[in-house]
Amino acid sequence: MLEGLAWPAIFAGALPYDGFLQRYGTEEQRRRWAAVDERLRLTPEQRELLAGFTRDMHVLCLAGAWCGDCVNQGPMLRHIAAASPRIALRLLDREAEPGLRDALSINGGHRVPAVVFLSEDWQPCAIAGDRVVAFYRQMARDRLGPACPTGIVPPGEALLAEALGQWVMEFERVQLMLRLTGRLREKHDD
């Protein structure tokens, strides 16, 4: 599914976080992303973990500035990438690359965010999206039981912290994969 895609070219056509929001977001959408961004804090342990990464990672996020899930999780990706010089994060509008959008279809839909983790030599390592389990658990509590959803409400601090932690774990999982793969261990002589 992801084999044969021109990852370096796709990544080069994607934008850094701020550039993505400037190009695709309205003023109101940028305000919503910033409101979530301001509430996020990596723990000292998470910052130390991310700063200790030794393998370069290209992280491509297929997103929509309009998307509520992207509003909540895009800033998390930014915080994680900012904590490690080994993480290069780029965002790409969902409609910019229809072939990639289709290849990253989740559960039969063009959902975002869809995050592709790539090695330093552009090998796909993992795909994550459209929500981490913390958000799905909250949705299940809100929608599958007697509770009735009340509309779009920004997530609480505990939910944001849990979701950020789950994204950090996914970045760690891919970093460990990159550290342990024989191909890269041979290349780096470690």
C-alpha atoms as a PDB file:
ATOM      1  CA  MET A   1       0.000   0.000   0.000  1.00  0.00           C
ATOM      2  CA  LEU A   2       2.746   2.512   0.890  1.00  0.00           C
ATOM      3  CA  GLU A   3       5.519   0.900  -1.096  1.00  0.00           C
ATOM      4  CA  GLY A   4       6.590   2.685  -4.227  1.00  0.00           C
ATOM      5  CA  LEU A   5       5.432   6.133  -3.143  1.00  0.00           C
ATOM      6  CA  ALA A   6       7.943   8.926  -3.728  1.00  0.00           C
ATOM      7  CA  TRP A   7       8.379   9.751  -0.056  1.00  0.00           C
ATOM      8  CA  PRO A   8      11.185  12.324  -0.409  1.00  0.00           C
ATOM      9  CA  ALA A   9       9.134  14.285  -2.960  1.00  0.00           C
ATOM     10  CA  ILE A  10       5.916  14.001  -0.948  1.00  0.00           C
ATOM     11  CA  PHE A  11       7.725  15.133   2.209  1.00  0.00           C
ATOM     12  CA  ALA A  12       9.385  18.019   0.344  1.00  0.00           C
ATOM     13  CA  GLY A  13       5.953  19.165  -0.836  1.00  0.00           C
ATOM     14  CA  ALA A  14       4.564  19.157   2.691  1.00  0.00           C
ATOM     15  CA  LEU A  15       4.850  22.164   4.987  1.00  0.00           C
ATOM     16  CA  PRO A  16       6.233  22.841   8.434  1.00  0.00           C
ATOM     17  CA  TYR A  17       3.539  23.208  11.112  1.00  0.00           C
ATOM     18  CA  ASP A  18       3.239  27.002  10.995  1.00  0.00           C
ATOM     19  CA  GLY A  19       3.440  27.108   7.203  1.00  0.00           C
ATOM     20  CA  PHE A  20       0.646  24.557   6.950  1.00  0.00           C
ATOM     21  CA  LEU A  21      -1.639  26.601   9.186  1.00  0.00           C
ATOM     22  CA  GLN A  22      -0.799  29.831   7.358  1.00  0.00           C
ATOM     23  CA  ARG A  23      -1.560  28.306   3.987  1.00  0.00           C
ATOM     24  CA  TYR A  24      -4.623  26.222   4.796  1.00  0.00           C
ATOM     25  CA  GLY A  25      -6.116  27.621   7.991  1.00  0.00           C
ATOM     26  CA  THR A  26      -8.503  30.486   8.441  1.00  0.00           C
ATOM     27  CA  GLU A  27      -7.858  32.935  11.252  1.00  0.00           C
ATOM     28  CA  GLU A  28     -10.436  31.125  13.392  1.00  0.00           C
ATOM     29  CA  GLN A  29      -8.915  27.711  12.651  1.00  0.00           C
ATOM     30  CA  ARG A  30      -5.420  28.973  13.534  1.00  0.00           C
ATOM     31  CA  ARG A  31      -6.847  30.360  16.776  1.00  0.00           C
ATOM     32  CA  ARG A  32      -8.325  26.954  17.656  1.00  0.00           C
ATOM     33  CA  TRP A  33      -5.010  25.151  16.968  1.00  0.00           C
ATOM     34  CA  ALA A  34      -3.167  27.759  19.057  1.00  0.00           C
ATOM     35  CA  ALA A  35      -5.639  27.391  21.944  1.00  0.00           C
ATOM     36  CA  VAL A  36      -4.882  23.666  22.187  1.00  0.00           C
ATOM     37  CA  ASP A  37      -1.158  24.224  21.645  1.00  0.00           C
ATOM     38  CA  GLU A  38      -1.004  26.632  24.612  1.00  0.00           C
ATOM     39  CA  ARG A  39      -2.538  24.028  26.935  1.00  0.00           C
ATOM     40  CA  LEU A  40      -0.041  21.261  26.145  1.00  0.00           C
ATOM     41  CA  ARG A  41       2.980  20.469  28.288  1.00  0.00           C
ATOM     42  CA  LEU A  42       5.375  17.582  27.877  1.00  0.00           C
ATOM     43  CA  THR A  43       6.499  16.177  31.200  1.00  0.00           C
ATOM     44  CA  PRO A  44      10.212  16.396  32.049  1.00  0.00           C
ATOM     45  CA  GLU A  45      10.432  12.630  31.482  1.00  0.00           C
ATOM     46  CA  GLN A  46       8.830  12.915  28.059  1.00  0.00           C
ATOM     47  CA  ARG A  47      11.175  15.766  27.081  1.00  0.00           C
ATOM     48  CA  GLU A  48      14.185  13.747  28.228  1.00  0.00           C
ATOM     49  CA  LEU A  49      13.022  10.674  26.301  1.00  0.00           C
ATOM     50  CA  LEU A  50      12.469  12.621  23.085  1.00  0.00           C
ATOM     51  CA  ALA A  51      15.729  14.553  23.394  1.00  0.00           C
ATOM     52  CA  GLY A  52      17.539  11.212  23.669  1.00  0.00           C
ATOM     53  CA  PHE A  53      16.429   9.920  20.268  1.00  0.00           C
ATOM     54  CA  THR A  54      19.409   8.923  18.132  1.00  0.00           C
ATOM     55  CA  ARG A  55      17.781   7.992  14.816  1.00  0.00           C
ATOM     56  CA  ASP A  56      16.356  10.548  12.407  1.00  0.00           C
ATOM     57  CA  MET A  57      12.641  10.232  11.721  1.00  0.00           C
ATOM     58  CA  HIS A  58      10.582  11.867   9.009  1.00  0.00           C
ATOM     59  CA  VAL A  59       7.014  12.283  10.245  1.00  0.00           C
ATOM     60  CA  LEU A  60       4.358  13.215   7.720  1.00  0.00           C
ATOM     61  CA  CYS A  61       0.908  14.197   8.943  1.00  0.00           C
ATOM     62  CA  LEU A  62      -1.945  14.234   6.464  1.00  0.00           C
ATOM     63  CA  ALA A  63      -4.294  16.801   7.984  1.00  0.00           C
ATOM     64  CA  GLY A  64      -7.016  19.360   7.524  1.00  0.00           C
ATOM     65  CA  ALA A  65      -6.879  22.738   9.234  1.00  0.00           C
ATOM     66  CA  TRP A  66     -10.679  22.472   9.574  1.00  0.00           C
ATOM     67  CA  CYS A  67     -10.592  19.062  11.301  1.00  0.00           C
ATOM     68  CA  GLY A  68     -11.387  18.918  15.019  1.00  0.00           C
ATOM     69  CA  ASP A  69      -9.206  15.841  15.542  1.00  0.00           C
ATOM     70  CA  CYS A  70      -6.317  17.666  13.834  1.00  0.00           C
ATOM     71  CA  VAL A  71      -6.943  20.720  16.024  1.00  0.00           C
ATOM     72  CA  ASN A  72      -6.510  18.530  19.108  1.00  0.00           C
ATOM     73  CA  GLN A  73      -3.649  16.315  17.921  1.00  0.00           C
ATOM     74  CA  GLY A  74      -1.655  18.460  15.482  1.00  0.00           C
ATOM     75  CA  PRO A  75      -0.283  20.611  18.310  1.00  0.00           C
ATOM     76  CA  MET A  76       0.741  17.422  20.136  1.00  0.00           C
ATOM     77  CA  LEU A  77       2.826  16.378  17.151  1.00  0.00           C
ATOM     78  CA  ARG A  78       4.393  19.841  17.078  1.00  0.00           C
ATOM     79  CA  HIS A  79       5.373  19.653  20.761  1.00  0.00           C
ATOM     80  CA  ILE A  80       6.880  16.198  20.304  1.00  0.00           C
ATOM     81  CA  ALA A  81       8.859  17.201  17.211  1.00  0.00           C
ATOM     82  CA  ALA A  82      10.096  20.382  18.889  1.00  0.00           C
ATOM     83  CA  ALA A  83      11.514  18.283  21.740  1.00  0.00           C
ATOM     84  CA  SER A  84      13.819  16.260  19.473  1.00  0.00           C
ATOM     85  CA  PRO A  85      16.260  17.412  16.818  1.00  0.00           C
ATOM     86  CA  ARG A  86      15.866  13.924  15.293  1.00  0.00           C
ATOM     87  CA  ILE A  87      12.218  14.420  14.320  1.00  0.00           C
ATOM     88  CA  ALA A  88      11.363  16.258  11.110  1.00  0.00           C
ATOM     89  CA  LEU A  89       7.620  16.946  11.083  1.00  0.00           C
ATOM     90  CA  ARG A  90       5.714  18.095   8.016  1.00  0.00           C
ATOM     91  CA  LEU A  91       1.991  18.492   7.411  1.00  0.00           C
ATOM     92  CA  LEU A  92       0.190  17.952   4.149  1.00  0.00           C
ATOM     93  CA  ASP A  93      -3.375  18.937   3.357  1.00  0.00           C
ATOM     94  CA  ARG A  94      -5.558  15.867   2.859  1.00  0.00           C
ATOM     95  CA  GLU A  95      -6.559  16.941  -0.637  1.00  0.00           C
ATOM     96  CA  ALA A  96      -3.053  17.862  -1.854  1.00  0.00           C
ATOM     97  CA  GLU A  97      -2.011  14.292  -2.746  1.00  0.00           C
ATOM     98  CA  PRO A  98      -5.086  12.218  -3.689  1.00  0.00           C
ATOM     99  CA  GLY A  99      -3.014   9.048  -4.171  1.00  0.00           C
ATOM    100  CA  LEU A 100      -1.546   9.328  -0.698  1.00  0.00           C
ATOM    101  CA  ARG A 101      -4.933  10.257   0.782  1.00  0.00           C
ATOM    102  CA  ASP A 102      -6.414   7.103  -0.730  1.00  0.00           C
ATOM    103  CA  ALA A 103      -3.485   4.933   0.406  1.00  0.00           C
ATOM    104  CA  LEU A 104      -3.950   6.223   3.965  1.00  0.00           C
ATOM    105  CA  SER A 105      -7.667   5.545   4.076  1.00  0.00           C
ATOM    106  CA  ILE A 106      -8.687   4.471   7.580  1.00  0.00           C
ATOM    107  CA  ASN A 107     -11.698   2.232   8.097  1.00  0.00           C
ATOM    108  CA  GLY A 108     -12.920   2.995   4.601  1.00  0.00           C
ATOM    109  CA  GLY A 109     -12.713   6.774   4.938  1.00  0.00           C
ATOM    110  CA  HIS A 110     -10.369   9.665   4.276  1.00  0.00           C
ATOM    111  CA  ARG A 111      -9.835  10.430   7.941  1.00  0.00           C
ATOM    112  CA  VAL A 112      -7.324  12.819   9.375  1.00  0.00           C
ATOM    113  CA  PRO A 113      -4.943  13.134  10.999  1.00  0.00           C
ATOM    114  CA  ALA A 114      -3.102  10.245   9.418  1.00  0.00           C
ATOM    115  CA  VAL A 115       0.539  10.135  10.459  1.00  0.00           C
ATOM    116  CA  VAL A 116       3.222   8.272   8.529  1.00  0.00           C
ATOM    117  CA  PHE A 117       6.517   7.557  10.275  1.00  0.00           C
ATOM    118  CA  LEU A 118       9.450   7.195   7.879  1.00  0.00           C
ATOM    119  CA  SER A 119      13.038   6.199   8.529  1.00  0.00           C
ATOM    120  CA  GLU A 120      15.989   8.398   7.645  1.00  0.00           C
ATOM    121  CA  ASP A 121      16.188   6.589   4.294  1.00  0.00           C
ATOM    122  CA  TRP A 122      12.461   6.985   3.604  1.00  0.00           C
ATOM    123  CA  GLN A 123      11.244   3.521   4.528  1.00  0.00           C
ATOM    124  CA  PRO A 124       7.683   3.509   5.952  1.00  0.00           C
ATOM    125  CA  CYS A 125       7.749   2.344   9.565  1.00  0.00           C
ATOM    126  CA  ALA A 126       4.260   2.981  10.919  1.00  0.00           C
ATOM    127  CA  ILE A 127       0.955   4.684  10.290  1.00  0.00           C
ATOM    128  CA  ALA A 128      -1.085   6.173  13.116  1.00  0.00           C
ATOM    129  CA  GLY A 129      -4.442   7.889  13.007  1.00  0.00           C
ATOM    130  CA  ASP A 130      -7.089   9.147  13.210  1.00  0.00           C
ATOM    131  CA  ARG A 131      -7.257   9.336  16.989  1.00  0.00           C
ATOM    132  CA  VAL A 132      -5.225   7.902  19.832  1.00  0.00           C
ATOM    133  CA  VAL A 133      -7.067   5.530  22.162  1.00  0.00           C
ATOM    134  CA  ALA A 134      -7.626   8.224  24.830  1.00  0.00           C
ATOM    135  CA  PHE A 135      -9.901  10.131  22.451  1.00  0.00           C
ATOM    136  CA  TYR A 136     -11.734   6.964  21.389  1.00  0.00           C
ATOM    137  CA  ARG A 137     -12.298   6.009  25.038  1.00  0.00           C
ATOM    138  CA  GLN A 138     -13.797   9.433  25.720  1.00  0.00           C
ATOM    139  CA  MET A 139     -15.978   9.194  22.627  1.00  0.00           C
ATOM    140  CA  ALA A 140     -17.188   5.770  23.745  1.00  0.00           C
ATOM    141  CA  ARG A 141     -18.056   7.121  27.205  1.00  0.00           C
ATOM    142  CA  ASP A 142     -19.932  10.017  25.607  1.00  0.00           C
ATOM    143  CA  ARG A 143     -21.746   8.123  22.864  1.00  0.00           C
ATOM    144  CA  LEU A 144     -22.145   4.468  23.760  1.00  0.00           C
ATOM    145  CA  GLY A 145     -23.659   4.771  27.202  1.00  0.00           C
ATOM    146  CA  PRO A 146     -26.508   6.762  28.663  1.00  0.00           C
ATOM    147  CA  ALA A 147     -24.621  10.061  28.250  1.00  0.00           C
ATOM    148  CA  CYS A 148     -25.574  12.293  25.374  1.00  0.00           C
ATOM    149  CA  PRO A 149     -22.892  14.304  23.560  1.00  0.00           C
ATOM    150  CA  THR A 150     -23.354  18.030  23.915  1.00  0.00           C
ATOM    151  CA  GLY A 151     -21.376  19.122  20.875  1.00  0.00           C
ATOM    152  CA  ILE A 152     -17.848  20.252  20.222  1.00  0.00           C
ATOM    153  CA  VAL A 153     -16.213  20.862  23.565  1.00  0.00           C
ATOM    154  CA  PRO A 154     -12.472  21.275  23.960  1.00  0.00           C
ATOM    155  CA  PRO A 155     -10.942  18.279  25.716  1.00  0.00           C
ATOM    156  CA  GLY A 156     -10.096  18.611  29.384  1.00  0.00           C
ATOM    157  CA  GLU A 157      -6.543  18.802  30.707  1.00  0.00           C
ATOM    158  CA  ALA A 158      -6.408  15.161  31.796  1.00  0.00           C
ATOM    159  CA  LEU A 159      -7.570  13.930  28.382  1.00  0.00           C
ATOM    160  CA  LEU A 160      -5.053  16.162  26.594  1.00  0.00           C
ATOM    161  CA  ALA A 161      -2.232  14.898  28.813  1.00  0.00           C
ATOM    162  CA  GLU A 162      -3.238  11.256  28.284  1.00  0.00           C
ATOM    163  CA  ALA A 163      -3.475  11.677  24.505  1.00  0.00           C
ATOM    164  CA  LEU A 164      -0.127  13.501  24.368  1.00  0.00           C
ATOM    165  CA  GLY A 165       1.428  10.651  26.343  1.00  0.00           C
ATOM    166  CA  GLN A 166       0.039   8.126  23.886  1.00  0.00           C
ATOM    167  CA  TRP A 167       1.525  10.047  20.953  1.00  0.00           C
ATOM    168  CA  VAL A 168       4.880  10.164  22.767  1.00  0.00           C
ATOM    169  CA  MET A 169       4.706   6.376  23.176  1.00  0.00           C
ATOM    170  CA  GLU A 170       4.063   5.924  19.449  1.00  0.00           C
ATOM    171  CA  PHE A 171       7.081   8.090  18.611  1.00  0.00           C
ATOM    172  CA  GLU A 172       9.133   6.063  21.105  1.00  0.00           C
ATOM    173  CA  ARG A 173       7.909   2.794  19.558  1.00  0.00           C
ATOM    174  CA  VAL A 174       9.040   3.892  16.104  1.00  0.00           C
ATOM    175  CA  GLN A 175      12.345   5.215  17.462  1.00  0.00           C
ATOM    176  CA  LEU A 176      13.026   1.852  19.104  1.00  0.00           C
ATOM    177  CA  MET A 177      12.125   0.116  15.844  1.00  0.00           C
ATOM    178  CA  LEU A 178      14.657   2.314  14.055  1.00  0.00           C
ATOM    179  CA  ARG A 179      17.299   1.673  16.729  1.00  0.00           C
ATOM    180  CA  LEU A 180      16.852  -2.093  16.615  1.00  0.00           C
ATOM    181  CA  THR A 181      16.483  -2.746  12.892  1.00  0.00           C
ATOM    182  CA  GLY A 182      19.472  -4.593  11.510  1.00  0.00           C
ATOM    183  CA  ARG A 183      19.602  -2.482   8.361  1.00  0.00           C
ATOM    184  CA  LEU A 184      20.133   0.760  10.275  1.00  0.00           C
ATOM    185  CA  ARG A 185      22.328  -0.817  12.964  1.00  0.00           C
ATOM    186  CA  GLU A 186      24.667  -1.980  10.236  1.00  0.00           C
ATOM    187  CA  LYS A 187      24.614   1.436   8.561  1.00  0.00           C
ATOM    188  CA  HIS A 188      25.421   3.244  11.825  1.00  0.00           C
ATOM    189  CA  ASP A 189      27.739   0.516  13.155  1.00  0.00           C
ATOM    190  CA  ASP A 190      25.894   0.234  16.429  1.00  0.00           C
END
